[in-house]
Amino acid sequence: MKREEKQQIIDELTVLFGTEQNYYLADASGLSASQESSLRRLCFNKGIQLRVAKNTFISKALQAQKADLSSVYNHLSGPTAIFISEDMKAPAKLILDFRKKGVKPELKAAIIGGTDVFIGDNQLETLTKLKTKNELIGEVIGLLQSPAKNVISALQGSAGNKIAGLVKTLQNRPE
């Protein structure tokens, strides 16, 4: 492979890592041709892009990113498949579903949001349970609304009539 071809692949990966926020690096070696075809079909159906690249190319592309991803470099050995998705949970779920039929692909590392790094295959369960920013905002809003709802329901109930009467009495009281 010529130097220009290598640089082109590195540039493509750099752009890919720069534009996409969620990518998983996994070892998919040892899969048969039919298993690999099945994995690629699943990825396509779930909207996950699957690429395979040399570790040196991946490493150089990661070094070009703004975030410090140096903890990932030590885990780049052997063949590496890159799962890229807008949905941060989708690749983890896909890998777990696919592994019901075997032991591969095995997660090496996952970069979520372009900066958060999860190392090792034991992180797959954690990755499937991560909450998106919108889910977290919804939970916070729900928690903030709960006390207000309790006050409103108290005011609308029988206690509300007593409070309204008390307020009316205080307003009519001469000064």
N, C-alpha and C. Protein backbone atom coordinates (compact mmCIF):
# COMPACT_ATOMS: atom_id res chain seq x y z
N MET A 1 0.85 -1.17 0.00
CA MET A 1 0.00 0.00 0.00
C MET A 1 0.90 1.24 0.00
N LYS A 2 0.61 2.17 -0.86
CA LYS A 2 1.42 3.38 -0.98
C LYS A 2 1.11 4.34 0.17
N ARG A 3 2.08 5.22 0.42
CA ARG A 3 1.95 6.19 1.50
C ARG A 3 0.71 7.06 1.33
N GLU A 4 0.39 7.45 0.10
CA GLU A 4 -0.77 8.29 -0.16
C GLU A 4 -2.07 7.55 0.20
N GLU A 5 -2.11 6.26 -0.13
CA GLU A 5 -3.30 5.46 0.19
C GLU A 5 -3.48 5.34 1.71
N LYS A 6 -2.36 5.12 2.40
CA LYS A 6 -2.42 5.02 3.86
C LYS A 6 -2.91 6.34 4.46
N GLN A 7 -2.36 7.45 3.96
CA GLN A 7 -2.76 8.76 4.49
C GLN A 7 -4.23 9.04 4.19
N GLN A 8 -4.71 8.58 3.05
CA GLN A 8 -6.12 8.78 2.71
C GLN A 8 -7.02 8.03 3.70
N ILE A 9 -6.65 6.81 4.06
CA ILE A 9 -7.44 6.04 5.03
C ILE A 9 -7.41 6.72 6.39
N ILE A 10 -6.24 7.20 6.80
CA ILE A 10 -6.12 7.90 8.09
C ILE A 10 -6.98 9.16 8.07
N ASP A 11 -6.96 9.90 6.96
CA ASP A 11 -7.77 11.11 6.84
C ASP A 11 -9.26 10.79 6.92
N GLU A 12 -9.69 9.72 6.26
CA GLU A 12 -11.09 9.30 6.31
C GLU A 12 -11.51 8.95 7.74
N LEU A 13 -10.66 8.21 8.44
CA LEU A 13 -10.96 7.85 9.83
C LEU A 13 -10.96 9.07 10.73
N THR A 14 -10.05 10.00 10.49
CA THR A 14 -10.00 11.22 11.29
C THR A 14 -11.29 12.01 11.14
N VAL A 15 -11.76 12.15 9.91
CA VAL A 15 -13.02 12.86 9.66
C VAL A 15 -14.18 12.10 10.32
N LEU A 16 -14.17 10.79 10.18
CA LEU A 16 -15.22 9.96 10.75
C LEU A 16 -15.27 10.12 12.27
N PHE A 17 -14.12 10.03 12.92
CA PHE A 17 -14.07 10.18 14.38
C PHE A 17 -14.40 11.60 14.81
N GLY A 18 -14.11 12.57 13.94
CA GLY A 18 -14.40 13.97 14.26
C GLY A 18 -15.86 14.32 14.13
N THR A 19 -16.56 13.66 13.21
CA THR A 19 -17.97 13.99 12.99
C THR A 19 -18.91 13.13 13.82
N GLU A 20 -18.55 11.89 14.03
CA GLU A 20 -19.39 10.98 14.82
C GLU A 20 -18.93 11.00 16.27
N GLN A 21 -19.87 10.93 17.19
CA GLN A 21 -19.54 11.03 18.60
C GLN A 21 -19.44 9.69 19.31
N ASN A 22 -20.01 8.65 18.74
CA ASN A 22 -20.05 7.35 19.40
C ASN A 22 -19.44 6.28 18.50
N TYR A 23 -18.37 5.67 18.97
CA TYR A 23 -17.78 4.59 18.20
C TYR A 23 -17.20 3.55 19.14
N TYR A 24 -17.36 2.32 18.71
CA TYR A 24 -16.92 1.16 19.47
C TYR A 24 -15.82 0.48 18.68
N LEU A 25 -14.76 0.08 19.37
CA LEU A 25 -13.67 -0.66 18.76
C LEU A 25 -13.74 -2.08 19.30
N ALA A 26 -13.84 -3.05 18.39
CA ALA A 26 -14.04 -4.43 18.82
C ALA A 26 -13.18 -5.38 18.00
N ASP A 27 -12.93 -6.54 18.59
CA ASP A 27 -12.21 -7.61 17.91
C ASP A 27 -13.24 -8.55 17.31
N ALA A 28 -13.30 -8.57 16.00
CA ALA A 28 -14.25 -9.45 15.30
C ALA A 28 -13.53 -10.53 14.53
N SER A 29 -12.29 -10.80 14.92
CA SER A 29 -11.52 -11.81 14.21
C SER A 29 -12.08 -13.20 14.50
N GLY A 30 -11.87 -14.09 13.60
CA GLY A 30 -12.32 -15.46 13.79
C GLY A 30 -13.74 -15.72 13.35
N LEU A 31 -14.43 -14.70 12.88
CA LEU A 31 -15.79 -14.91 12.38
C LEU A 31 -15.72 -15.52 10.99
N SER A 32 -16.60 -16.45 10.72
CA SER A 32 -16.66 -17.03 9.38
C SER A 32 -17.24 -15.99 8.42
N ALA A 33 -17.14 -16.27 7.16
CA ALA A 33 -17.66 -15.34 6.15
C ALA A 33 -19.16 -15.13 6.33
N SER A 34 -19.89 -16.18 6.63
CA SER A 34 -21.35 -16.03 6.82
C SER A 34 -21.66 -15.26 8.09
N GLN A 35 -20.87 -15.47 9.14
CA GLN A 35 -21.09 -14.72 10.38
C GLN A 35 -20.79 -13.23 10.17
N GLU A 36 -19.71 -12.95 9.45
CA GLU A 36 -19.35 -11.57 9.18
C GLU A 36 -20.42 -10.90 8.32
N SER A 37 -20.92 -11.62 7.35
CA SER A 37 -21.99 -11.10 6.50
C SER A 37 -23.25 -10.82 7.33
N SER A 38 -23.55 -11.72 8.23
CA SER A 38 -24.70 -11.54 9.12
C SER A 38 -24.51 -10.32 10.02
N LEU A 39 -23.29 -10.14 10.54
CA LEU A 39 -22.99 -9.00 11.39
C LEU A 39 -23.13 -7.70 10.61
N ARG A 40 -22.62 -7.67 9.39
CA ARG A 40 -22.73 -6.47 8.57
C ARG A 40 -24.19 -6.14 8.23
N ARG A 41 -24.98 -7.18 7.98
CA ARG A 41 -26.41 -7.00 7.68
C ARG A 41 -27.13 -6.42 8.90
N LEU A 42 -26.83 -6.96 10.08
CA LEU A 42 -27.43 -6.44 11.32
C LEU A 42 -27.06 -4.97 11.52
N CYS A 43 -25.79 -4.66 11.30
CA CYS A 43 -25.34 -3.27 11.44
C CYS A 43 -26.09 -2.36 10.49
N PHE A 44 -26.22 -2.78 9.25
CA PHE A 44 -26.93 -1.98 8.26
C PHE A 44 -28.38 -1.75 8.68
N ASN A 45 -29.05 -2.81 9.14
CA ASN A 45 -30.45 -2.71 9.55
C ASN A 45 -30.65 -1.82 10.77
N LYS A 46 -29.65 -1.72 11.63
CA LYS A 46 -29.76 -0.91 12.85
C LYS A 46 -29.17 0.48 12.68
N GLY A 47 -28.70 0.79 11.48
CA GLY A 47 -28.14 2.13 11.22
C GLY A 47 -26.75 2.32 11.81
N ILE A 48 -26.02 1.24 11.93
CA ILE A 48 -24.67 1.29 12.47
C ILE A 48 -23.69 1.06 11.33
N GLN A 49 -22.71 1.93 11.24
CA GLN A 49 -21.69 1.78 10.20
C GLN A 49 -20.59 0.89 10.75
N LEU A 50 -20.15 -0.07 9.97
CA LEU A 50 -19.09 -1.00 10.38
C LEU A 50 -17.91 -0.84 9.43
N ARG A 51 -16.74 -0.55 10.02
CA ARG A 51 -15.51 -0.43 9.24
C ARG A 51 -14.44 -1.27 9.90
N VAL A 52 -13.52 -1.76 9.11
CA VAL A 52 -12.36 -2.48 9.62
C VAL A 52 -11.13 -1.73 9.15
N ALA A 53 -10.19 -1.49 10.08
CA ALA A 53 -8.98 -0.76 9.72
C ALA A 53 -7.81 -1.26 10.55
N LYS A 54 -6.62 -0.95 10.06
CA LYS A 54 -5.42 -1.29 10.80
C LYS A 54 -5.33 -0.45 12.07
N ASN A 55 -4.77 -1.03 13.10
CA ASN A 55 -4.68 -0.34 14.38
C ASN A 55 -3.83 0.92 14.29
N THR A 56 -2.78 0.91 13.48
CA THR A 56 -1.96 2.11 13.35
C THR A 56 -2.75 3.25 12.73
N PHE A 57 -3.61 2.93 11.78
CA PHE A 57 -4.45 3.96 11.16
C PHE A 57 -5.44 4.51 12.19
N ILE A 58 -6.04 3.61 12.94
CA ILE A 58 -7.01 4.02 13.97
C ILE A 58 -6.33 4.90 15.01
N SER A 59 -5.15 4.46 15.45
CA SER A 59 -4.40 5.20 16.45
C SER A 59 -4.06 6.61 15.98
N LYS A 60 -3.59 6.74 14.74
CA LYS A 60 -3.25 8.05 14.21
C LYS A 60 -4.48 8.93 14.06
N ALA A 61 -5.60 8.35 13.68
CA ALA A 61 -6.85 9.11 13.55
C ALA A 61 -7.35 9.56 14.92
N LEU A 62 -7.20 8.72 15.93
CA LEU A 62 -7.62 9.09 17.28
C LEU A 62 -6.73 10.20 17.85
N GLN A 63 -5.44 10.17 17.51
CA GLN A 63 -4.52 11.19 18.00
C GLN A 63 -4.87 12.57 17.46
N ALA A 64 -5.53 12.62 16.33
CA ALA A 64 -5.91 13.90 15.72
C ALA A 64 -7.15 14.51 16.38
N GLN A 65 -7.80 13.76 17.26
CA GLN A 65 -9.01 14.26 17.92
C GLN A 65 -8.66 15.23 19.04
N LYS A 66 -9.61 16.09 19.41
CA LYS A 66 -9.38 17.09 20.45
C LYS A 66 -9.27 16.44 21.83
N ALA A 67 -10.03 15.40 22.06
CA ALA A 67 -10.05 14.74 23.37
C ALA A 67 -8.82 13.85 23.55
N ASP A 68 -8.44 13.65 24.80
CA ASP A 68 -7.32 12.76 25.11
C ASP A 68 -7.84 11.33 25.14
N LEU A 69 -7.51 10.58 24.11
CA LEU A 69 -7.96 9.19 24.00
C LEU A 69 -6.79 8.23 24.11
N SER A 70 -5.73 8.65 24.79
CA SER A 70 -4.52 7.84 24.87
C SER A 70 -4.74 6.51 25.59
N SER A 71 -5.74 6.43 26.46
CA SER A 71 -6.00 5.18 27.16
C SER A 71 -6.47 4.08 26.22
N VAL A 72 -6.92 4.44 25.04
CA VAL A 72 -7.41 3.47 24.07
C VAL A 72 -6.26 2.79 23.31
N TYR A 73 -5.14 3.50 23.13
CA TYR A 73 -4.06 3.00 22.29
C TYR A 73 -3.54 1.63 22.73
N ASN A 74 -3.45 1.40 24.02
CA ASN A 74 -2.92 0.12 24.53
C ASN A 74 -3.82 -1.06 24.18
N HIS A 75 -5.06 -0.80 23.86
CA HIS A 75 -6.03 -1.87 23.59
C HIS A 75 -6.19 -2.13 22.09
N LEU A 76 -5.41 -1.43 21.29
CA LEU A 76 -5.47 -1.63 19.84
C LEU A 76 -4.44 -2.67 19.44
N SER A 77 -4.86 -3.91 19.48
CA SER A 77 -4.01 -5.00 19.01
C SER A 77 -4.89 -6.01 18.31
N GLY A 78 -4.34 -6.66 17.32
CA GLY A 78 -5.14 -7.59 16.55
C GLY A 78 -6.11 -6.86 15.64
N PRO A 79 -6.89 -7.59 14.88
CA PRO A 79 -7.86 -6.95 13.97
C PRO A 79 -8.90 -6.13 14.75
N THR A 80 -9.22 -4.97 14.23
CA THR A 80 -10.17 -4.09 14.91
C THR A 80 -11.29 -3.68 13.98
N ALA A 81 -12.51 -3.92 14.44
CA ALA A 81 -13.71 -3.46 13.73
C ALA A 81 -14.22 -2.22 14.45
N ILE A 82 -14.66 -1.25 13.68
CA ILE A 82 -15.17 0.01 14.25
C ILE A 82 -16.66 0.07 14.00
N PHE A 83 -17.44 0.16 15.07
CA PHE A 83 -18.89 0.31 14.99
C PHE A 83 -19.20 1.78 15.27
N ILE A 84 -19.84 2.46 14.32
CA ILE A 84 -20.11 3.88 14.45
C ILE A 84 -21.62 4.09 14.40
N SER A 85 -22.13 4.86 15.39
CA SER A 85 -23.57 5.07 15.45
C SER A 85 -23.89 6.39 16.12
N GLU A 86 -25.00 6.99 15.72
CA GLU A 86 -25.49 8.19 16.41
C GLU A 86 -26.06 7.81 17.77
N ASP A 87 -26.68 6.65 17.85
CA ASP A 87 -27.25 6.15 19.10
C ASP A 87 -26.12 5.49 19.90
N MET A 88 -25.86 6.01 21.09
CA MET A 88 -24.72 5.51 21.85
C MET A 88 -24.91 4.10 22.39
N LYS A 89 -26.13 3.64 22.49
CA LYS A 89 -26.39 2.29 23.03
C LYS A 89 -26.46 1.22 21.94
N ALA A 90 -26.78 1.61 20.72
CA ALA A 90 -27.06 0.65 19.65
C ALA A 90 -25.93 -0.35 19.40
N PRO A 91 -24.67 0.09 19.29
CA PRO A 91 -23.61 -0.91 19.05
C PRO A 91 -23.47 -1.91 20.20
N ALA A 92 -23.61 -1.45 21.43
CA ALA A 92 -23.49 -2.36 22.58
C ALA A 92 -24.60 -3.41 22.54
N LYS A 93 -25.81 -2.97 22.25
CA LYS A 93 -26.94 -3.91 22.17
C LYS A 93 -26.73 -4.90 21.02
N LEU A 94 -26.25 -4.39 19.88
CA LEU A 94 -26.01 -5.24 18.72
C LEU A 94 -24.95 -6.30 19.04
N ILE A 95 -23.86 -5.88 19.67
CA ILE A 95 -22.79 -6.82 20.00
C ILE A 95 -23.31 -7.89 20.95
N LEU A 96 -24.06 -7.49 21.98
CA LEU A 96 -24.60 -8.48 22.92
C LEU A 96 -25.57 -9.44 22.23
N ASP A 97 -26.42 -8.92 21.37
CA ASP A 97 -27.36 -9.78 20.63
C ASP A 97 -26.62 -10.75 19.72
N PHE A 98 -25.62 -10.25 19.02
CA PHE A 98 -24.87 -11.09 18.10
C PHE A 98 -24.08 -12.16 18.85
N ARG A 99 -23.63 -11.85 20.03
CA ARG A 99 -22.82 -12.81 20.79
C ARG A 99 -23.65 -13.91 21.42
N LYS A 100 -24.94 -13.87 21.30
CA LYS A 100 -25.76 -14.99 21.76
C LYS A 100 -25.45 -16.23 20.94
N LYS A 101 -24.89 -16.02 19.73
CA LYS A 101 -24.55 -17.13 18.84
C LYS A 101 -23.07 -17.49 18.91
N GLY A 102 -22.26 -16.72 19.65
CA GLY A 102 -20.83 -16.97 19.72
C GLY A 102 -20.17 -16.05 20.73
N VAL A 103 -18.84 -15.95 20.67
CA VAL A 103 -18.11 -15.13 21.64
C VAL A 103 -17.58 -13.83 21.04
N LYS A 104 -17.72 -13.65 19.76
CA LYS A 104 -17.21 -12.45 19.10
C LYS A 104 -18.37 -11.66 18.54
N PRO A 105 -18.25 -10.40 18.33
CA PRO A 105 -17.12 -9.52 18.56
C PRO A 105 -16.92 -9.20 20.05
N GLU A 106 -15.68 -8.97 20.41
CA GLU A 106 -15.31 -8.67 21.79
C GLU A 106 -14.90 -7.20 21.86
N LEU A 107 -15.53 -6.46 22.76
CA LEU A 107 -15.28 -5.02 22.86
C LEU A 107 -13.88 -4.74 23.40
N LYS A 108 -13.17 -3.90 22.68
CA LYS A 108 -11.86 -3.43 23.15
C LYS A 108 -12.04 -2.11 23.90
N ALA A 109 -12.76 -1.18 23.26
CA ALA A 109 -12.99 0.13 23.86
C ALA A 109 -14.18 0.79 23.17
N ALA A 110 -14.80 1.70 23.90
CA ALA A 110 -15.90 2.49 23.33
C ALA A 110 -15.66 3.95 23.68
N ILE A 111 -15.87 4.82 22.71
CA ILE A 111 -15.77 6.25 22.93
C ILE A 111 -17.17 6.81 22.74
N ILE A 112 -17.71 7.37 23.81
CA ILE A 112 -19.07 7.89 23.80
C ILE A 112 -19.01 9.42 23.93
N GLY A 113 -19.75 10.09 23.08
CA GLY A 113 -19.77 11.54 23.13
C GLY A 113 -18.45 12.17 22.72
N GLY A 114 -17.59 11.40 22.09
CA GLY A 114 -16.31 11.91 21.63
C GLY A 114 -15.25 12.03 22.70
N THR A 115 -15.63 11.88 23.98
CA THR A 115 -14.66 12.07 25.06
C THR A 115 -14.67 10.99 26.13
N ASP A 116 -15.81 10.37 26.38
CA ASP A 116 -15.91 9.37 27.45
C ASP A 116 -15.46 8.02 26.94
N VAL A 117 -14.50 7.42 27.64
CA VAL A 117 -13.88 6.17 27.19
C VAL A 117 -14.27 5.04 28.13
N PHE A 118 -14.71 3.94 27.55
CA PHE A 118 -15.02 2.72 28.28
C PHE A 118 -14.11 1.64 27.73
N ILE A 119 -13.31 1.04 28.61
CA ILE A 119 -12.32 0.05 28.20
C ILE A 119 -12.75 -1.34 28.63
N GLY A 120 -12.69 -2.29 27.72
CA GLY A 120 -12.89 -3.69 28.05
C GLY A 120 -14.28 -4.21 27.74
N ASP A 121 -14.32 -5.50 27.51
CA ASP A 121 -15.55 -6.19 27.15
C ASP A 121 -16.56 -6.19 28.30
N ASN A 122 -16.08 -6.08 29.52
CA ASN A 122 -16.98 -6.09 30.68
C ASN A 122 -17.82 -4.82 30.78
N GLN A 123 -17.60 -3.85 29.93
CA GLN A 123 -18.34 -2.59 29.94
C GLN A 123 -19.60 -2.61 29.07
N LEU A 124 -19.83 -3.71 28.36
CA LEU A 124 -20.99 -3.77 27.44
C LEU A 124 -22.32 -3.56 28.16
N GLU A 125 -22.51 -4.22 29.29
CA GLU A 125 -23.77 -4.07 30.04
C GLU A 125 -23.96 -2.62 30.48
N THR A 126 -22.89 -2.00 30.96
CA THR A 126 -22.95 -0.60 31.38
C THR A 126 -23.33 0.29 30.20
N LEU A 127 -22.75 0.03 29.05
CA LEU A 127 -23.02 0.85 27.87
C LEU A 127 -24.47 0.74 27.41
N THR A 128 -25.10 -0.42 27.61
CA THR A 128 -26.50 -0.57 27.20
C THR A 128 -27.44 0.18 28.14
N LYS A 129 -26.96 0.52 29.33
CA LYS A 129 -27.81 1.19 30.32
C LYS A 129 -27.57 2.69 30.41
N LEU A 130 -26.65 3.21 29.63
CA LEU A 130 -26.38 4.64 29.65
C LEU A 130 -27.62 5.42 29.22
N LYS A 131 -27.78 6.57 29.82
CA LYS A 131 -28.93 7.42 29.47
C LYS A 131 -28.45 8.58 28.62
N THR A 132 -29.28 8.92 27.65
CA THR A 132 -28.94 10.04 26.78
C THR A 132 -29.15 11.35 27.54
N LYS A 133 -28.64 12.41 26.97
CA LYS A 133 -28.78 13.73 27.57
C LYS A 133 -30.26 14.09 27.75
N ASN A 134 -31.08 13.80 26.74
CA ASN A 134 -32.51 14.11 26.82
C ASN A 134 -33.21 13.29 27.90
N GLU A 135 -32.82 12.02 28.06
CA GLU A 135 -33.41 11.19 29.11
C GLU A 135 -33.06 11.74 30.49
N LEU A 136 -31.83 12.17 30.67
CA LEU A 136 -31.41 12.75 31.96
C LEU A 136 -32.12 14.06 32.24
N ILE A 137 -32.27 14.90 31.23
CA ILE A 137 -32.99 16.16 31.40
C ILE A 137 -34.44 15.89 31.80
N GLY A 138 -35.07 14.90 31.15
CA GLY A 138 -36.44 14.53 31.49
C GLY A 138 -36.57 14.07 32.93
N GLU A 139 -35.60 13.29 33.41
CA GLU A 139 -35.64 12.83 34.80
C GLU A 139 -35.49 14.00 35.77
N VAL A 140 -34.58 14.92 35.47
CA VAL A 140 -34.38 16.08 36.34
C VAL A 140 -35.65 16.94 36.39
N ILE A 141 -36.25 17.15 35.24
CA ILE A 141 -37.49 17.94 35.20
C ILE A 141 -38.59 17.25 36.00
N GLY A 142 -38.67 15.93 35.86
CA GLY A 142 -39.66 15.17 36.64
C GLY A 142 -39.43 15.31 38.13
N LEU A 143 -38.18 15.26 38.54
CA LEU A 143 -37.86 15.42 39.97
C LEU A 143 -38.17 16.83 40.47
N LEU A 144 -37.94 17.82 39.61
CA LEU A 144 -38.22 19.19 40.01
C LEU A 144 -39.73 19.47 40.06
N GLN A 145 -40.48 18.80 39.20
CA GLN A 145 -41.92 19.02 39.16
C GLN A 145 -42.64 18.34 40.33
N SER A 146 -42.08 17.32 40.86
CA SER A 146 -42.75 16.54 41.90
C SER A 146 -43.16 17.39 43.11
N PRO A 147 -42.27 18.19 43.72
CA PRO A 147 -42.71 19.01 44.86
C PRO A 147 -43.79 20.03 44.47
N ALA A 148 -43.67 20.61 43.30
CA ALA A 148 -44.66 21.58 42.85
C ALA A 148 -46.02 20.91 42.67
N LYS A 149 -46.03 19.69 42.14
CA LYS A 149 -47.28 18.97 41.97
C LYS A 149 -47.92 18.67 43.32
N ASN A 150 -47.11 18.34 44.31
CA ASN A 150 -47.64 18.06 45.65
C ASN A 150 -48.28 19.30 46.25
N VAL A 151 -47.67 20.47 46.09
CA VAL A 151 -48.23 21.71 46.61
C VAL A 151 -49.54 22.04 45.91
N ILE A 152 -49.56 21.89 44.59
CA ILE A 152 -50.77 22.20 43.81
C ILE A 152 -51.91 21.25 44.20
N SER A 153 -51.60 19.98 44.33
CA SER A 153 -52.66 19.04 44.69
C SER A 153 -53.16 19.31 46.11
N ALA A 154 -52.28 19.74 47.00
CA ALA A 154 -52.71 20.08 48.36
C ALA A 154 -53.61 21.31 48.34
N LEU A 155 -53.29 22.27 47.50
CA LEU A 155 -54.10 23.48 47.40
C LEU A 155 -55.45 23.20 46.77
N GLN A 156 -55.52 22.21 45.89
CA GLN A 156 -56.77 21.90 45.22
C GLN A 156 -57.66 20.99 46.08
N GLY A 157 -57.09 20.33 47.02
CA GLY A 157 -57.85 19.40 47.87
C GLY A 157 -58.55 20.14 49.01
N SER A 158 -58.95 19.39 50.04
CA SER A 158 -59.66 19.98 51.18
C SER A 158 -58.76 20.94 51.94
N ALA A 159 -57.47 20.69 51.96
CA ALA A 159 -56.55 21.60 52.63
C ALA A 159 -56.50 22.93 51.90
N GLY A 160 -56.70 22.91 50.61
CA GLY A 160 -56.71 24.13 49.81
C GLY A 160 -57.85 25.03 50.19
N ASN A 161 -59.02 24.45 50.50
CA ASN A 161 -60.16 25.26 50.93
C ASN A 161 -59.87 25.95 52.25
N LYS A 162 -59.22 25.26 53.15
CA LYS A 162 -58.86 25.85 54.45
C LYS A 162 -57.85 26.97 54.26
N ILE A 163 -56.87 26.74 53.37
CA ILE A 163 -55.86 27.77 53.13
C ILE A 163 -56.49 28.96 52.45
N ALA A 164 -57.39 28.72 51.49
CA ALA A 164 -58.06 29.82 50.80
C ALA A 164 -58.90 30.62 51.79
N GLY A 165 -59.56 29.93 52.70
CA GLY A 165 -60.34 30.64 53.73
C GLY A 165 -59.45 31.45 54.64
N LEU A 166 -58.33 30.93 55.00
CA LEU A 166 -57.38 31.64 55.86
C LEU A 166 -56.84 32.87 55.16
N VAL A 167 -56.51 32.76 53.88
CA VAL A 167 -56.02 33.90 53.11
C VAL A 167 -57.10 34.97 53.01
N LYS A 168 -58.35 34.56 52.78
CA LYS A 168 -59.46 35.51 52.66
C LYS A 168 -59.68 36.23 53.99
N THR A 169 -59.58 35.51 55.09
CA THR A 169 -59.74 36.10 56.43
C THR A 169 -58.63 37.11 56.67
N LEU A 170 -57.43 36.79 56.31
CA LEU A 170 -56.30 37.71 56.50
C LEU A 170 -56.44 38.97 55.64
N GLN A 171 -57.02 38.82 54.45
CA GLN A 171 -57.21 39.97 53.57
C GLN A 171 -58.30 40.90 54.13
N ASN A 172 -59.33 40.35 54.73
CA ASN A 172 -60.45 41.15 55.24
C ASN A 172 -60.16 41.74 56.61
N ARG A 173 -59.12 41.33 57.25
CA ARG A 173 -58.79 41.80 58.59
C ARG A 173 -58.37 43.28 58.52
N PRO A 174 -58.93 44.11 59.43
CA PRO A 174 -58.55 45.52 59.42
C PRO A 174 -57.12 45.67 59.96
N GLU A 175 -56.46 46.68 59.46
CA GLU A 175 -55.07 46.88 59.87
C GLU A 175 -54.94 47.75 61.06
